[in-house]
Full PDB file with SEQRES, HELIX, SHEET, SSBOND, CRYST1, ORIGX, SCALE, CONECT and MASTER records, all heavy atoms in Angstrom:
SEQRES   1 A   36  SER PRO TYR ARG THR SER ALA GLY ASN ILE TYR ILE CYS          
SEQRES   2 A   36  SER SER SER THR PRO PRO GLY GLY GLY VAL HIS GLY MET          
SEQRES   3 A   36  CYS GLY TYR HIS ALA ALA GLN ARG ALA LEU                      
HELIX    1 AA1 MET A   26  ALA A   35  1                                  10    
CRYST1    1.000    1.000    1.000  90.00  90.00  90.00 P 1           1          
ORIGX1      1.000000  0.000000  0.000000        0.00000                         
ORIGX2      0.000000  1.000000  0.000000        0.00000                         
ORIGX3      0.000000  0.000000  1.000000        0.00000                         
SCALE1      1.000000  0.000000  0.000000        0.00000                         
SCALE2      0.000000  1.000000  0.000000        0.00000                         
SCALE3      0.000000  0.000000  1.000000        0.00000                         
ATOM      1  N   SER A   1       0.866  -1.185   0.000  1.00  0.00           N  
ATOM      2  CA  SER A   1       0.000   0.000   0.000  1.00  0.00           C  
ATOM      3  C   SER A   1       0.895   1.225   0.000  1.00  0.00           C  
ATOM      4  O   SER A   1       1.714   1.392   0.909  1.00  0.00           O  
ATOM      5  CB  SER A   1      -0.916   0.033   1.226  1.00  0.00           C  
ATOM      6  OG  SER A   1      -1.573   1.302   1.297  1.00  0.00           O  
ATOM      7  N   PRO A   2       0.772   2.098  -0.997  1.00  0.00           N  
ATOM      8  CA  PRO A   2       1.627   3.285  -1.040  1.00  0.00           C  
ATOM      9  C   PRO A   2       1.338   4.289   0.067  1.00  0.00           C  
ATOM     10  O   PRO A   2       2.132   5.202   0.289  1.00  0.00           O  
ATOM     11  CB  PRO A   2       1.329   3.885  -2.416  1.00  0.00           C  
ATOM     12  CG  PRO A   2      -0.047   3.407  -2.739  1.00  0.00           C  
ATOM     13  CD  PRO A   2      -0.147   2.042  -2.150  1.00  0.00           C  
ATOM     14  N   TYR A   3       0.210   4.132   0.757  1.00  0.00           N  
ATOM     15  CA  TYR A   3      -0.175   5.071   1.806  1.00  0.00           C  
ATOM     16  C   TYR A   3       0.446   4.706   3.158  1.00  0.00           C  
ATOM     17  O   TYR A   3       0.581   5.560   4.022  1.00  0.00           O  
ATOM     18  CB  TYR A   3      -1.699   5.125   1.928  1.00  0.00           C  
ATOM     19  CG  TYR A   3      -2.366   5.319   0.596  1.00  0.00           C  
ATOM     20  CD1 TYR A   3      -2.957   4.244  -0.076  1.00  0.00           C  
ATOM     21  CD2 TYR A   3      -2.367   6.565  -0.031  1.00  0.00           C  
ATOM     22  CE1 TYR A   3      -3.543   4.411  -1.332  1.00  0.00           C  
ATOM     23  CE2 TYR A   3      -2.943   6.740  -1.280  1.00  0.00           C  
ATOM     24  CZ  TYR A   3      -3.529   5.655  -1.923  1.00  0.00           C  
ATOM     25  OH  TYR A   3      -4.088   5.829  -3.169  1.00  0.00           O  
ATOM     26  N   ARG A   4       0.818   3.459   3.330  1.00  0.00           N  
ATOM     27  CA  ARG A   4       1.464   3.022   4.558  1.00  0.00           C  
ATOM     28  C   ARG A   4       2.939   3.403   4.536  1.00  0.00           C  
ATOM     29  O   ARG A   4       3.612   3.278   3.525  1.00  0.00           O  
ATOM     30  CB  ARG A   4       1.395   1.506   4.696  1.00  0.00           C  
ATOM     31  CG  ARG A   4       0.089   0.902   5.080  1.00  0.00           C  
ATOM     32  CD  ARG A   4       0.295  -0.599   5.135  1.00  0.00           C  
ATOM     33  NE  ARG A   4      -0.886  -1.341   5.497  1.00  0.00           N  
ATOM     34  CZ  ARG A   4      -1.145  -2.560   5.062  1.00  0.00           C  
ATOM     35  NH1 ARG A   4      -0.310  -3.148   4.211  1.00  0.00           N  
ATOM     36  NH2 ARG A   4      -2.229  -3.203   5.448  1.00  0.00           N  
ATOM     37  N   THR A   5       3.435   3.843   5.669  1.00  0.00           N  
ATOM     38  CA  THR A   5       4.875   3.989   5.819  1.00  0.00           C  
ATOM     39  C   THR A   5       5.389   2.729   6.505  1.00  0.00           C  
ATOM     40  O   THR A   5       4.606   1.826   6.838  1.00  0.00           O  
ATOM     41  CB  THR A   5       5.227   5.227   6.658  1.00  0.00           C  
ATOM     42  OG1 THR A   5       4.827   4.998   8.018  1.00  0.00           O  
ATOM     43  CG2 THR A   5       4.531   6.470   6.115  1.00  0.00           C  
ATOM     44  N   SER A   6       6.670   2.663   6.766  1.00  0.00           N  
ATOM     45  CA  SER A   6       7.211   1.495   7.467  1.00  0.00           C  
ATOM     46  C   SER A   6       6.987   1.571   8.967  1.00  0.00           C  
ATOM     47  O   SER A   6       7.250   0.600   9.685  1.00  0.00           O  
ATOM     48  CB  SER A   6       8.709   1.360   7.169  1.00  0.00           C  
ATOM     49  OG  SER A   6       9.419   2.492   7.647  1.00  0.00           O  
ATOM     50  N   ALA A   7       6.519   2.731   9.455  1.00  0.00           N  
ATOM     51  CA  ALA A   7       6.127   2.856  10.857  1.00  0.00           C  
ATOM     52  C   ALA A   7       4.640   2.511  10.933  1.00  0.00           C  
ATOM     53  O   ALA A   7       3.817   3.157  10.265  1.00  0.00           O  
ATOM     54  CB  ALA A   7       6.383   4.262  11.365  1.00  0.00           C  
ATOM     55  N   GLY A   8       4.286   1.544  11.711  1.00  0.00           N  
ATOM     56  CA  GLY A   8       2.963   0.928  11.671  1.00  0.00           C  
ATOM     57  C   GLY A   8       1.763   1.838  11.633  1.00  0.00           C  
ATOM     58  O   GLY A   8       0.811   1.590  10.906  1.00  0.00           O  
ATOM     59  N   ASN A   9       1.777   2.924  12.400  1.00  0.00           N  
ATOM     60  CA  ASN A   9       0.562   3.753  12.507  1.00  0.00           C  
ATOM     61  C   ASN A   9       0.718   5.111  11.826  1.00  0.00           C  
ATOM     62  O   ASN A   9      -0.078   6.014  12.074  1.00  0.00           O  
ATOM     63  CB  ASN A   9       0.173   3.956  13.973  1.00  0.00           C  
ATOM     64  CG  ASN A   9       1.162   4.838  14.716  1.00  0.00           C  
ATOM     65  OD1 ASN A   9       2.334   4.916  14.348  1.00  0.00           O  
ATOM     66  ND2 ASN A   9       0.700   5.486  15.772  1.00  0.00           N  
ATOM     67  N   ILE A  10       1.701   5.274  10.961  1.00  0.00           N  
ATOM     68  CA  ILE A  10       1.916   6.533  10.255  1.00  0.00           C  
ATOM     69  C   ILE A  10       1.622   6.333   8.769  1.00  0.00           C  
ATOM     70  O   ILE A  10       2.132   5.397   8.144  1.00  0.00           O  
ATOM     71  CB  ILE A  10       3.354   7.061  10.441  1.00  0.00           C  
ATOM     72  CG1 ILE A  10       3.615   7.350  11.925  1.00  0.00           C  
ATOM     73  CG2 ILE A  10       3.590   8.309   9.597  1.00  0.00           C  
ATOM     74  CD1 ILE A  10       5.043   7.795  12.223  1.00  0.00           C  
ATOM     75  N   TYR A  11       0.807   7.224   8.226  1.00  0.00           N  
ATOM     76  CA  TYR A  11       0.388   7.129   6.820  1.00  0.00           C  
ATOM     77  C   TYR A  11       0.684   8.453   6.113  1.00  0.00           C  
ATOM     78  O   TYR A  11       0.772   9.502   6.753  1.00  0.00           O  
ATOM     79  CB  TYR A  11      -1.111   6.828   6.719  1.00  0.00           C  
ATOM     80  CG  TYR A  11      -1.491   5.472   7.265  1.00  0.00           C  
ATOM     81  CD1 TYR A  11      -1.594   5.266   8.651  1.00  0.00           C  
ATOM     82  CD2 TYR A  11      -1.744   4.399   6.424  1.00  0.00           C  
ATOM     83  CE1 TYR A  11      -1.929   4.025   9.160  1.00  0.00           C  
ATOM     84  CE2 TYR A  11      -2.091   3.157   6.928  1.00  0.00           C  
ATOM     85  CZ  TYR A  11      -2.173   2.969   8.293  1.00  0.00           C  
ATOM     86  OH  TYR A  11      -2.504   1.733   8.800  1.00  0.00           O  
ATOM     87  N   ILE A  12       0.826   8.386   4.802  1.00  0.00           N  
ATOM     88  CA  ILE A  12       0.978   9.581   3.984  1.00  0.00           C  
ATOM     89  C   ILE A  12      -0.234   9.679   3.065  1.00  0.00           C  
ATOM     90  O   ILE A  12      -0.644   8.676   2.458  1.00  0.00           O  
ATOM     91  CB  ILE A  12       2.312   9.572   3.200  1.00  0.00           C  
ATOM     92  CG1 ILE A  12       2.435  10.835   2.336  1.00  0.00           C  
ATOM     93  CG2 ILE A  12       2.468   8.312   2.376  1.00  0.00           C  
ATOM     94  CD1 ILE A  12       3.819  11.024   1.720  1.00  0.00           C  
ATOM     95  N   CYS A  13      -0.830  10.865   2.987  1.00  0.00           N  
ATOM     96  CA  CYS A  13      -2.096  11.010   2.251  1.00  0.00           C  
ATOM     97  C   CYS A  13      -2.071  12.187   1.280  1.00  0.00           C  
ATOM     98  O   CYS A  13      -3.114  12.673   0.862  1.00  0.00           O  
ATOM     99  CB  CYS A  13      -3.260  11.157   3.219  1.00  0.00           C  
ATOM    100  SG  CYS A  13      -3.240  12.674   4.219  1.00  0.00           S  
ATOM    101  N   SER A  14      -0.885  12.643   0.904  1.00  0.00           N  
ATOM    102  CA  SER A  14      -0.763  13.827   0.050  1.00  0.00           C  
ATOM    103  C   SER A  14      -0.784  13.451  -1.424  1.00  0.00           C  
ATOM    104  O   SER A  14      -0.924  12.285  -1.799  1.00  0.00           O  
ATOM    105  CB  SER A  14       0.555  14.539   0.362  1.00  0.00           C  
ATOM    106  OG  SER A  14       1.652  13.757  -0.104  1.00  0.00           O  
ATOM    107  N   SER A  15      -0.592  14.452  -2.290  1.00  0.00           N  
ATOM    108  CA  SER A  15      -0.534  14.196  -3.729  1.00  0.00           C  
ATOM    109  C   SER A  15       0.732  13.447  -4.126  1.00  0.00           C  
ATOM    110  O   SER A  15       0.906  13.117  -5.302  1.00  0.00           O  
ATOM    111  CB  SER A  15      -0.622  15.514  -4.503  1.00  0.00           C  
ATOM    112  OG  SER A  15       0.431  16.377  -4.150  1.00  0.00           O  
ATOM    113  N   SER A  16       1.597  13.157  -3.167  1.00  0.00           N  
ATOM    114  CA  SER A  16       2.747  12.285  -3.420  1.00  0.00           C  
ATOM    115  C   SER A  16       2.353  10.817  -3.343  1.00  0.00           C  
ATOM    116  O   SER A  16       3.219   9.935  -3.376  1.00  0.00           O  
ATOM    117  CB  SER A  16       3.871  12.579  -2.422  1.00  0.00           C  
ATOM    118  OG  SER A  16       4.370  13.886  -2.589  1.00  0.00           O  
ATOM    119  N   THR A  17       1.050  10.544  -3.207  1.00  0.00           N  
ATOM    120  CA  THR A  17       0.509   9.188  -3.274  1.00  0.00           C  
ATOM    121  C   THR A  17      -0.461   9.125  -4.458  1.00  0.00           C  
ATOM    122  O   THR A  17      -0.866  10.152  -4.988  1.00  0.00           O  
ATOM    123  CB  THR A  17      -0.222   8.815  -1.966  1.00  0.00           C  
ATOM    124  OG1 THR A  17      -1.363   9.675  -1.797  1.00  0.00           O  
ATOM    125  CG2 THR A  17       0.699   8.948  -0.757  1.00  0.00           C  
ATOM    126  N   PRO A  18      -0.851   7.911  -4.877  1.00  0.00           N  
ATOM    127  CA  PRO A  18      -1.809   7.804  -5.996  1.00  0.00           C  
ATOM    128  C   PRO A  18      -3.148   8.453  -5.647  1.00  0.00           C  
ATOM    129  O   PRO A  18      -3.592   8.341  -4.507  1.00  0.00           O  
ATOM    130  CB  PRO A  18      -1.970   6.289  -6.167  1.00  0.00           C  
ATOM    131  CG  PRO A  18      -0.720   5.701  -5.602  1.00  0.00           C  
ATOM    132  CD  PRO A  18      -0.370   6.592  -4.438  1.00  0.00           C  
ATOM    133  N   PRO A  19      -3.780   9.167  -6.584  1.00  0.00           N  
ATOM    134  CA  PRO A  19      -3.404   9.293  -7.999  1.00  0.00           C  
ATOM    135  C   PRO A  19      -2.556  10.496  -8.327  1.00  0.00           C  
ATOM    136  O   PRO A  19      -2.359  10.804  -9.502  1.00  0.00           O  
ATOM    137  CB  PRO A  19      -4.766   9.421  -8.665  1.00  0.00           C  
ATOM    138  CG  PRO A  19      -5.580  10.187  -7.677  1.00  0.00           C  
ATOM    139  CD  PRO A  19      -5.139   9.685  -6.328  1.00  0.00           C  
ATOM    140  N   GLY A  20      -2.040  11.226  -7.346  1.00  0.00           N  
ATOM    141  CA  GLY A  20      -1.188  12.360  -7.627  1.00  0.00           C  
ATOM    142  C   GLY A  20      -1.921  13.682  -7.561  1.00  0.00           C  
ATOM    143  O   GLY A  20      -2.941  13.824  -6.890  1.00  0.00           O  
ATOM    144  N   GLY A  21      -1.372  14.684  -8.271  1.00  0.00           N  
ATOM    145  CA  GLY A  21      -1.848  16.052  -8.171  1.00  0.00           C  
ATOM    146  C   GLY A  21      -3.259  16.266  -8.677  1.00  0.00           C  
ATOM    147  O   GLY A  21      -3.804  15.469  -9.445  1.00  0.00           O  
ATOM    148  N   GLY A  22      -3.845  17.378  -8.233  1.00  0.00           N  
ATOM    149  CA  GLY A  22      -5.210  17.710  -8.620  1.00  0.00           C  
ATOM    150  C   GLY A  22      -6.088  17.842  -7.391  1.00  0.00           C  
ATOM    151  O   GLY A  22      -5.834  17.214  -6.354  1.00  0.00           O  
ATOM    152  N   VAL A  23      -7.131  18.650  -7.505  1.00  0.00           N  
ATOM    153  CA  VAL A  23      -8.061  18.841  -6.393  1.00  0.00           C  
ATOM    154  C   VAL A  23      -9.182  17.821  -6.533  1.00  0.00           C  
ATOM    155  O   VAL A  23     -10.183  18.057  -7.204  1.00  0.00           O  
ATOM    156  CB  VAL A  23      -8.609  20.280  -6.392  1.00  0.00           C  
ATOM    157  CG1 VAL A  23      -9.608  20.470  -5.253  1.00  0.00           C  
ATOM    158  CG2 VAL A  23      -7.469  21.287  -6.267  1.00  0.00           C  
ATOM    159  N   HIS A  24      -8.990  16.658  -5.924  1.00  0.00           N  
ATOM    160  CA  HIS A  24      -9.965  15.565  -6.012  1.00  0.00           C  
ATOM    161  C   HIS A  24     -10.146  14.842  -4.682  1.00  0.00           C  
ATOM    162  O   HIS A  24     -11.117  14.123  -4.504  1.00  0.00           O  
ATOM    163  CB  HIS A  24      -9.545  14.557  -7.082  1.00  0.00           C  
ATOM    164  CG  HIS A  24      -8.087  14.215  -7.061  1.00  0.00           C  
ATOM    165  ND1 HIS A  24      -7.487  13.589  -5.991  1.00  0.00           N  
ATOM    166  CD2 HIS A  24      -7.112  14.433  -7.967  1.00  0.00           C  
ATOM    167  CE1 HIS A  24      -6.197  13.425  -6.244  1.00  0.00           C  
ATOM    168  NE2 HIS A  24      -5.941  13.944  -7.435  1.00  0.00           N  
ATOM    169  N   GLY A  25      -9.207  15.003  -3.766  1.00  0.00           N  
ATOM    170  CA  GLY A  25      -9.315  14.383  -2.455  1.00  0.00           C  
ATOM    171  C   GLY A  25      -9.086  12.889  -2.429  1.00  0.00           C  
ATOM    172  O   GLY A  25      -9.140  12.268  -1.358  1.00  0.00           O  
ATOM    173  N   MET A  26      -8.798  12.284  -3.574  1.00  0.00           N  
ATOM    174  CA  MET A  26      -8.727  10.824  -3.628  1.00  0.00           C  
ATOM    175  C   MET A  26      -7.501  10.260  -2.906  1.00  0.00           C  
ATOM    176  O   MET A  26      -7.543   9.138  -2.402  1.00  0.00           O  
ATOM    177  CB  MET A  26      -8.756  10.355  -5.074  1.00  0.00           C  
ATOM    178  CG  MET A  26     -10.061  10.651  -5.799  1.00  0.00           C  
ATOM    179  SD  MET A  26     -11.501   9.872  -5.030  1.00  0.00           S  
ATOM    180  CE  MET A  26     -11.219   8.149  -5.434  1.00  0.00           C  
ATOM    181  N   CYS A  27      -6.414  11.029  -2.845  1.00  0.00           N  
ATOM    182  CA  CYS A  27      -5.247  10.559  -2.088  1.00  0.00           C  
ATOM    183  C   CYS A  27      -5.612  10.425  -0.608  1.00  0.00           C  
ATOM    184  O   CYS A  27      -5.306   9.413   0.034  1.00  0.00           O  
ATOM    185  CB  CYS A  27      -4.086  11.527  -2.253  1.00  0.00           C  
ATOM    186  SG  CYS A  27      -3.618  11.896  -3.947  1.00  0.00           S  
ATOM    187  N   GLY A  28      -6.262  11.457  -0.090  1.00  0.00           N  
ATOM    188  CA  GLY A  28      -6.677  11.415   1.309  1.00  0.00           C  
ATOM    189  C   GLY A  28      -7.710  10.350   1.581  1.00  0.00           C  
ATOM    190  O   GLY A  28      -7.666   9.656   2.604  1.00  0.00           O  
ATOM    191  N   TYR A  29      -8.657  10.200   0.659  1.00  0.00           N  
ATOM    192  CA  TYR A  29      -9.702   9.187   0.824  1.00  0.00           C  
ATOM    193  C   TYR A  29      -9.099   7.779   0.879  1.00  0.00           C  
ATOM    194  O   TYR A  29      -9.414   6.987   1.777  1.00  0.00           O  
ATOM    195  CB  TYR A  29     -10.699   9.301  -0.327  1.00  0.00           C  
ATOM    196  CG  TYR A  29     -11.626   8.114  -0.457  1.00  0.00           C  
ATOM    197  CD1 TYR A  29     -12.691   7.940   0.423  1.00  0.00           C  
ATOM    198  CD2 TYR A  29     -11.422   7.149  -1.444  1.00  0.00           C  
ATOM    199  CE1 TYR A  29     -13.538   6.850   0.313  1.00  0.00           C  
ATOM    200  CE2 TYR A  29     -12.270   6.058  -1.570  1.00  0.00           C  
ATOM    201  CZ  TYR A  29     -13.320   5.911  -0.685  1.00  0.00           C  
ATOM    202  OH  TYR A  29     -14.147   4.820  -0.787  1.00  0.00           O  
ATOM    203  N   HIS A  30      -8.241   7.461  -0.082  1.00  0.00           N  
ATOM    204  CA  HIS A  30      -7.660   6.113  -0.122  1.00  0.00           C  
ATOM    205  C   HIS A  30      -6.749   5.853   1.086  1.00  0.00           C  
ATOM    206  O   HIS A  30      -6.733   4.732   1.622  1.00  0.00           O  
ATOM    207  CB  HIS A  30      -6.888   5.911  -1.417  1.00  0.00           C  
ATOM    208  CG  HIS A  30      -7.750   5.735  -2.626  1.00  0.00           C  
ATOM    209  ND1 HIS A  30      -8.661   4.708  -2.747  1.00  0.00           N  
ATOM    210  CD2 HIS A  30      -7.844   6.460  -3.767  1.00  0.00           C  
ATOM    211  CE1 HIS A  30      -9.282   4.802  -3.914  1.00  0.00           C  
ATOM    212  NE2 HIS A  30      -8.808   5.850  -4.537  1.00  0.00           N  
ATOM    213  N   ALA A  31      -5.988   6.858   1.503  1.00  0.00           N  
ATOM    214  CA  ALA A  31      -5.129   6.672   2.678  1.00  0.00           C  
ATOM    215  C   ALA A  31      -5.969   6.410   3.925  1.00  0.00           C  
ATOM    216  O   ALA A  31      -5.643   5.541   4.744  1.00  0.00           O  
ATOM    217  CB  ALA A  31      -4.253   7.907   2.876  1.00  0.00           C  
ATOM    218  N   ALA A  32      -7.046   7.154   4.077  1.00  0.00           N  
ATOM    219  CA  ALA A  32      -7.919   6.947   5.236  1.00  0.00           C  
ATOM    220  C   ALA A  32      -8.586   5.580   5.195  1.00  0.00           C  
ATOM    221  O   ALA A  32      -8.728   4.912   6.233  1.00  0.00           O  
ATOM    222  CB  ALA A  32      -8.972   8.051   5.290  1.00  0.00           C  
ATOM    223  N   GLN A  33      -9.001   5.151   4.000  1.00  0.00           N  
ATOM    224  CA  GLN A  33      -9.582   3.815   3.866  1.00  0.00           C  
ATOM    225  C   GLN A  33      -8.575   2.745   4.273  1.00  0.00           C  
ATOM    226  O   GLN A  33      -8.935   1.749   4.911  1.00  0.00           O  
ATOM    227  CB  GLN A  33     -10.046   3.591   2.425  1.00  0.00           C  
ATOM    228  CG  GLN A  33     -11.283   4.377   2.031  1.00  0.00           C  
ATOM    229  CD  GLN A  33     -12.536   3.872   2.731  1.00  0.00           C  
ATOM    230  OE1 GLN A  33     -12.616   2.728   3.148  1.00  0.00           O  
ATOM    231  NE2 GLN A  33     -13.513   4.748   2.861  1.00  0.00           N  
ATOM    232  N   ARG A  34      -7.301   2.947   3.913  1.00  0.00           N  
ATOM    233  CA  ARG A  34      -6.259   1.981   4.298  1.00  0.00           C  
ATOM    234  C   ARG A  34      -6.107   1.954   5.818  1.00  0.00           C  
ATOM    235  O   ARG A  34      -6.005   0.879   6.427  1.00  0.00           O  
ATOM    236  CB  ARG A  34      -4.951   2.381   3.638  1.00  0.00           C  
ATOM    237  CG  ARG A  34      -3.757   1.459   3.897  1.00  0.00           C  
ATOM    238  CD  ARG A  34      -3.919   0.130   3.200  1.00  0.00           C  
ATOM    239  NE  ARG A  34      -4.539  -0.875   4.052  1.00  0.00           N  
ATOM    240  CZ  ARG A  34      -4.947  -2.057   3.619  1.00  0.00           C  
ATOM    241  NH1 ARG A  34      -4.836  -2.356   2.326  1.00  0.00           N  
ATOM    242  NH2 ARG A  34      -5.474  -2.925   4.444  1.00  0.00           N  
ATOM    243  N   ALA A  35      -6.096   3.123   6.453  1.00  0.00           N  
ATOM    244  CA  ALA A  35      -5.977   3.180   7.905  1.00  0.00           C  
ATOM    245  C   ALA A  35      -7.187   2.546   8.587  1.00  0.00           C  
ATOM    246  O   ALA A  35      -7.047   1.852   9.606  1.00  0.00           O  
ATOM    247  CB  ALA A  35      -5.817   4.634   8.353  1.00  0.00           C  
ATOM    248  N   LEU A  36      -8.372   2.766   8.012  1.00  0.00           N  
ATOM    249  CA  LEU A  36      -9.574   2.144   8.571  1.00  0.00           C  
ATOM    250  C   LEU A  36      -9.475   0.621   8.524  1.00  0.00           C  
ATOM    251  O   LEU A  36      -9.818  -0.071   9.492  1.00  0.00           O  
ATOM    252  CB  LEU A  36     -10.812   2.611   7.813  1.00  0.00           C  
ATOM    253  CG  LEU A  36     -11.307   4.028   8.111  1.00  0.00           C  
ATOM    254  CD1 LEU A  36     -12.357   4.454   7.093  1.00  0.00           C  
ATOM    255  CD2 LEU A  36     -11.880   4.106   9.532  1.00  0.00           C  
TER     256      LEU A  36                                                      
MASTER        0    0    0    1    0    0    0    6  255    1    0    3          
END                                                                             
């Protein structure tokens, strides 16, 4: 999962994750879904 870091409870949810740049919120949505 590109949203997981190697530290168990730390995630990245910026446009540096899929699908990248643009105002769509999908990076944050997918990262949160992974954490859930």
